[in-house]
C-alpha atoms as a PDB file:
ATOM      1  CA  MET A   1       0.080  -0.054   0.005  1.00  0.00           C
ATOM      2  CA  ASN A   2       1.414   3.130  -1.086  1.00  0.00           C
ATOM      3  CA  ILE A   3       0.762   6.446   0.825  1.00  0.00           C
ATOM      4  CA  ASN A   4       0.308   8.965  -1.942  1.00  0.00           C
ATOM      5  CA  LEU A   5      -0.826  12.375  -2.130  1.00  0.00           C
ATOM      6  CA  THR A   6      -4.542  11.519  -2.749  1.00  0.00           C
ATOM      7  CA  LEU A   7      -4.444   9.811   0.776  1.00  0.00           C
ATOM      8  CA  ILE A   8      -2.820  12.729   2.306  1.00  0.00           C
ATOM      9  CA  GLY A   9      -5.292  15.083   0.705  1.00  0.00           C
ATOM     10  CA  GLN A  10      -8.213  13.043   1.790  1.00  0.00           C
ATOM     11  CA  THR A  11      -6.896  13.041   5.376  1.00  0.00           C
ATOM     12  CA  ILE A  12      -6.575  16.801   5.403  1.00  0.00           C
ATOM     13  CA  MET A  13     -10.073  17.066   3.748  1.00  0.00           C
ATOM     14  CA  PHE A  14     -11.434  14.819   6.462  1.00  0.00           C
ATOM     15  CA  ALA A  15      -9.755  16.803   9.217  1.00  0.00           C
ATOM     16  CA  MET A  16     -11.115  20.039   7.854  1.00  0.00           C
ATOM     17  CA  PHE A  17     -14.578  18.385   7.599  1.00  0.00           C
ATOM     18  CA  VAL A  18     -14.372  17.269  11.191  1.00  0.00           C
ATOM     19  CA  TRP A  19     -13.065  20.637  12.246  1.00  0.00           C
ATOM     20  CA  PHE A  20     -15.883  22.339  10.268  1.00  0.00           C
ATOM     21  CA  CYS A  21     -18.493  20.129  11.727  1.00  0.00           C
ATOM     22  CA  MET A  22     -17.178  20.469  15.311  1.00  0.00           C
ATOM     23  CA  LYS A  23     -17.029  24.362  14.800  1.00  0.00           C
ATOM     24  CA  PHE A  24     -20.287  25.169  13.117  1.00  0.00           C
ATOM     25  CA  VAL A  25     -22.605  21.993  13.003  1.00  0.00           C
ATOM     26  CA  TRP A  26     -22.088  20.267  16.330  1.00  0.00           C
ATOM     27  CA  PRO A  27     -22.678  23.324  18.688  1.00  0.00           C
ATOM     28  CA  PRO A  28     -26.131  23.959  17.193  1.00  0.00           C
ATOM     29  CA  LEU A  29     -26.989  20.363  17.365  1.00  0.00           C
ATOM     30  CA  VAL A  30     -25.813  20.201  20.999  1.00  0.00           C
ATOM     31  CA  GLU A  31     -27.814  23.303  21.883  1.00  0.00           C
ATOM     32  CA  ALA A  32     -30.906  21.890  20.177  1.00  0.00           C
ATOM     33  CA  MET A  33     -30.406  18.633  22.126  1.00  0.00           C
ATOM     34  CA  ALA A  34     -29.852  20.538  25.271  1.00  0.00           C
ATOM     35  CA  ALA A  35     -33.012  22.655  24.634  1.00  0.00           C
ATOM     36  CA  ARG A  36     -34.988  19.545  23.846  1.00  0.00           C
ATOM     37  CA  LYS A  37     -33.729  17.776  26.948  1.00  0.00           C
ATOM     38  CA  LYS A  38     -34.626  20.938  29.136  1.00  0.00           C
ATOM     39  CA  ALA A  39     -38.101  21.108  27.410  1.00  0.00           C
ATOM     40  CA  ILE A  40     -38.600  17.403  28.147  1.00  0.00           C
ATOM     41  CA  GLU A  41     -37.475  17.859  31.774  1.00  0.00           C
ATOM     42  CA  ASP A  42     -39.616  20.850  32.158  1.00  0.00           C
ATOM     43  CA  GLY A  43     -42.608  18.888  30.709  1.00  0.00           C
ATOM     44  CA  LEU A  44     -42.063  15.975  33.112  1.00  0.00           C
ATOM     45  CA  LYS A  45     -41.786  18.483  36.005  1.00  0.00           C
ATOM     46  CA  ALA A  46     -44.971  20.077  34.779  1.00  0.00           C
ATOM     47  CA  ALA A  47     -46.693  16.686  34.480  1.00  0.00           C
ATOM     48  CA  GLU A  48     -45.621  15.695  38.044  1.00  0.00           C
ATOM     49  CA  LEU A  49     -46.789  19.121  39.286  1.00  0.00           C
ATOM     50  CA  GLY A  50     -50.124  18.615  37.403  1.00  0.00           C
ATOM     51  CA  LYS A  51     -50.580  15.274  38.933  1.00  0.00           C
ATOM     52  CA  GLU A  52     -49.810  16.711  42.445  1.00  0.00           C
ATOM     53  CA  GLU A  53     -52.346  19.612  41.719  1.00  0.00           C
ATOM     54  CA  HIS A  54     -54.809  17.141  40.330  1.00  0.00           C
ATOM     55  CA  ALA A  55     -54.509  14.942  43.469  1.00  0.00           C
ATOM     56  CA  LEU A  56     -54.879  18.080  45.638  1.00  0.00           C
ATOM     57  CA  ALA A  57     -57.891  19.268  43.591  1.00  0.00           C
ATOM     58  CA  GLN A  58     -59.448  15.705  43.970  1.00  0.00           C
ATOM     59  CA  LYS A  59     -58.992  15.818  47.718  1.00  0.00           C
ATOM     60  CA  ASN A  60     -60.420  19.111  47.957  1.00  0.00           C
ATOM     61  CA  ALA A  61     -63.372  18.225  45.856  1.00  0.00           C
ATOM     62  CA  GLU A  62     -63.898  15.216  48.085  1.00  0.00           C
ATOM     63  CA  ASP A  63     -63.686  17.409  51.131  1.00  0.00           C
ATOM     64  CA  LEU A  64     -66.128  19.918  49.681  1.00  0.00           C
ATOM     65  CA  ILE A  65     -68.471  17.093  48.731  1.00  0.00           C
ATOM     66  CA  GLU A  66     -68.394  15.723  52.318  1.00  0.00           C
ATOM     67  CA  THR A  67     -68.942  19.215  53.728  1.00  0.00           C
ATOM     68  CA  SER A  68     -71.798  19.655  51.223  1.00  0.00           C
ATOM     69  CA  LYS A  69     -73.231  16.247  52.428  1.00  0.00           C
ATOM     70  CA  THR A  70     -72.931  17.249  56.042  1.00  0.00           C
ATOM     71  CA  GLN A  71     -74.596  20.613  55.464  1.00  0.00           C
ATOM     72  CA  ALA A  72     -77.319  18.895  53.435  1.00  0.00           C
ATOM     73  CA  ALA A  73     -77.917  16.512  56.272  1.00  0.00           C
ATOM     74  CA  GLU A  74     -78.101  19.377  58.702  1.00  0.00           C
ATOM     75  CA  ILE A  75     -80.619  21.329  56.526  1.00  0.00           C
ATOM     76  CA  ILE A  76     -82.710  18.264  56.263  1.00  0.00           C
ATOM     77  CA  ALA A  77     -82.630  17.731  60.002  1.00  0.00           C
ATOM     78  CA  ASN A  78     -83.661  21.214  60.718  1.00  0.00           C
ATOM     79  CA  ALA A  79     -86.370  21.021  58.061  1.00  0.00           C
ATOM     80  CA  ASP A  80     -87.623  17.805  59.807  1.00  0.00           C
ATOM     81  CA  LYS A  81     -87.552  19.677  63.192  1.00  0.00           C
ATOM     82  CA  GLN A  82     -89.388  22.712  61.758  1.00  0.00           C
ATOM     83  CA  ALA A  83     -91.934  20.275  60.155  1.00  0.00           C
ATOM     84  CA  SER A  84     -92.666  18.517  63.428  1.00  0.00           C
ATOM     85  CA  VAL A  85     -92.864  21.918  65.296  1.00  0.00           C
ATOM     86  CA  MET A  86     -95.239  23.129  62.709  1.00  0.00           C
ATOM     87  CA  ILE A  87     -97.353  20.005  62.940  1.00  0.00           C
ATOM     88  CA  ASP A  88     -97.437  20.279  66.727  1.00  0.00           C
ATOM     89  CA  ASN A  89     -98.352  23.833  66.489  1.00  0.00           C
ATOM     90  CA  ALA A  90    -101.238  22.943  64.017  1.00  0.00           C
ATOM     91  CA  LYS A  91    -102.287  20.105  66.194  1.00  0.00           C
ATOM     92  CA  GLY A  92    -102.383  22.440  69.182  1.00  0.00           C
ATOM     93  CA  ALA A  93    -104.319  25.114  67.242  1.00  0.00           C
ATOM     94  CA  ALA A  94    -106.772  22.503  65.819  1.00  0.00           C
ATOM     95  CA  SER A  95    -107.343  21.063  69.312  1.00  0.00           C
ATOM     96  CA  GLU A  96    -107.941  24.654  70.713  1.00  0.00           C
ATOM     97  CA  GLU A  97    -110.296  25.353  67.875  1.00  0.00           C
ATOM     98  CA  ALA A  98    -112.064  21.998  68.506  1.00  0.00           C
ATOM     99  CA  ASP A  99    -112.344  22.810  72.168  1.00  0.00           C
ATOM    100  CA  LYS A 100    -113.947  26.254  71.159  1.00  0.00           C
ATOM    101  CA  ILE A 101    -116.248  24.616  68.847  1.00  0.00           C
ATOM    102  CA  LYS A 102    -117.336  22.049  71.376  1.00  0.00           C
ATOM    103  CA  ALA A 103    -117.840  24.726  74.070  1.00  0.00           C
ATOM    104  CA  GLN A 104    -119.914  26.772  71.481  1.00  0.00           C
ATOM    105  CA  ALA A 105    -122.022  23.781  70.646  1.00  0.00           C
ATOM    106  CA  LYS A 106    -122.463  22.858  74.360  1.00  0.00           C
ATOM    107  CA  SER A 107    -123.523  26.405  75.107  1.00  0.00           C
ATOM    108  CA  GLU A 108    -125.971  26.319  72.009  1.00  0.00           C
ATOM    109  CA  LEU A 109    -127.229  22.943  73.276  1.00  0.00           C
ATOM    110  CA  ASP A 110    -127.720  24.263  76.783  1.00  0.00           C
ATOM    111  CA  GLN A 111    -129.629  27.311  75.473  1.00  0.00           C
ATOM    112  CA  GLU A 112    -131.845  24.967  73.387  1.00  0.00           C
ATOM    113  CA  VAL A 113    -132.372  22.765  76.391  1.00  0.00           C
ATOM    114  CA  VAL A 114    -133.432  25.682  78.470  1.00  0.00           C
ATOM    115  CA  LYS A 115    -135.548  26.990  75.646  1.00  0.00           C
ATOM    116  CA  ALA A 116    -137.296  23.627  75.279  1.00  0.00           C
ATOM    117  CA  ARG A 117    -137.880  23.280  79.104  1.00  0.00           C
ATOM    118  CA  ASN A 118    -139.501  26.850  79.157  1.00  0.00           C
ATOM    119  CA  GLU A 119    -141.646  25.840  76.162  1.00  0.00           C
ATOM    120  CA  LEU A 120    -142.587  22.500  77.827  1.00  0.00           C
ATOM    121  CA  ARG A 121    -143.305  24.381  81.153  1.00  0.00           C
ATOM    122  CA  ASP A 122    -145.634  26.785  79.159  1.00  0.00           C
ATOM    123  CA  GLN A 123    -147.392  23.967  77.498  1.00  0.00           C
ATOM    124  CA  VAL A 124    -147.639  21.820  80.531  1.00  0.00           C
ATOM    125  CA  SER A 125    -149.044  24.754  82.477  1.00  0.00           C
ATOM    126  CA  THR A 126    -151.586  25.445  79.703  1.00  0.00           C
ATOM    127  CA  LEU A 127    -152.558  21.783  79.765  1.00  0.00           C
ATOM    128  CA  VAL A 128    -152.724  21.789  83.558  1.00  0.00           C
ATOM    129  CA  MET A 129    -155.070  24.961  83.543  1.00  0.00           C
ATOM    130  CA  GLN A 130    -157.169  23.314  80.763  1.00  0.00           C
ATOM    131  CA  GLY A 131    -157.361  20.245  82.958  1.00  0.00           C
ATOM    132  CA  VAL A 132    -158.263  22.315  86.031  1.00  0.00           C
ATOM    133  CA  ASN A 133    -160.782  24.356  84.098  1.00  0.00           C
ATOM    134  CA  SER A 134    -162.380  21.221  82.959  1.00  0.00           C
ATOM    135  CA  VAL A 135    -162.433  19.699  86.364  1.00  0.00           C
ATOM    136  CA  LEU A 136    -163.798  22.979  88.051  1.00  0.00           C
ATOM    137  CA  ASP A 137    -165.721  24.087  85.110  1.00  0.00           C
ATOM    138  CA  LYS A 138    -164.961  27.578  85.935  1.00  0.00           C
ATOM    139  CA  GLU A 139    -162.330  30.054  85.392  1.00  0.00           C
ATOM    140  CA  VAL A 140    -159.718  30.691  87.933  1.00  0.00           C
ATOM    141  CA  ASP A 141    -158.949  34.296  88.478  1.00  0.00           C
ATOM    142  CA  SER A 142    -155.634  35.638  86.846  1.00  0.00           C
ATOM    143  CA  LYS A 143    -153.742  36.167  90.165  1.00  0.00           C
ATOM    144  CA  THR A 144    -154.441  32.637  91.215  1.00  0.00           C
ATOM    145  CA  HIS A 145    -153.615  31.373  87.816  1.00  0.00           C
ATOM    146  CA  LYS A 146    -150.281  33.057  87.733  1.00  0.00           C
ATOM    147  CA  ASP A 147    -149.414  31.801  91.248  1.00  0.00           C
ATOM    148  CA  MET A 148    -150.308  28.252  90.205  1.00  0.00           C
ATOM    149  CA  LEU A 149    -148.141  28.560  87.163  1.00  0.00           C
ATOM    150  CA  SER A 150    -145.192  29.841  88.958  1.00  0.00           C
ATOM    151  CA  LYS A 151    -145.317  27.079  91.557  1.00  0.00           C
ATOM    152  CA  LEU A 152    -145.817  24.523  88.843  1.00  0.00           C
ATOM    153  CA  SER A 153    -142.852  25.829  86.806  1.00  0.00           C
ATOM    154  CA  GLN A 154    -140.579  25.792  89.801  1.00  0.00           C
ATOM    155  CA  SER A 155    -141.481  22.331  90.728  1.00  0.00           C
ATOM    156  CA  LEU A 156    -140.718  21.157  87.263  1.00  0.00           C
END
């Protein structure tokens, strides 16, 4: 194998090509790879941060749901209590109204009984007077008549 000028020229050209690549091609490639590496690292960090924020948001959402459930249960319990109070109040008011109606009905009944008794007394006294008139066949004077009626009505 002969070392000739062509081999030396090719070696020099190869060295210049390597120098040119190291000087002008390699640094932008290294920078691009470094930037890409940094972008990937930043993306991974952002993904991890996103996962942590998602987990935190999920936990906050669960806490908020639990709080909402608790508040809803309290609201329902308060509504039940208010409903039972309202029912008790309504029952009390209805009971009072029923008592008033009963008292009024009893009063009206008592008045009707008194009225009926008075009417019966008048009728009985009239019947008695007719009976006395028919027995005596004469009219009793009005003073005696009134006295007899008052005695009779008091005895009834």
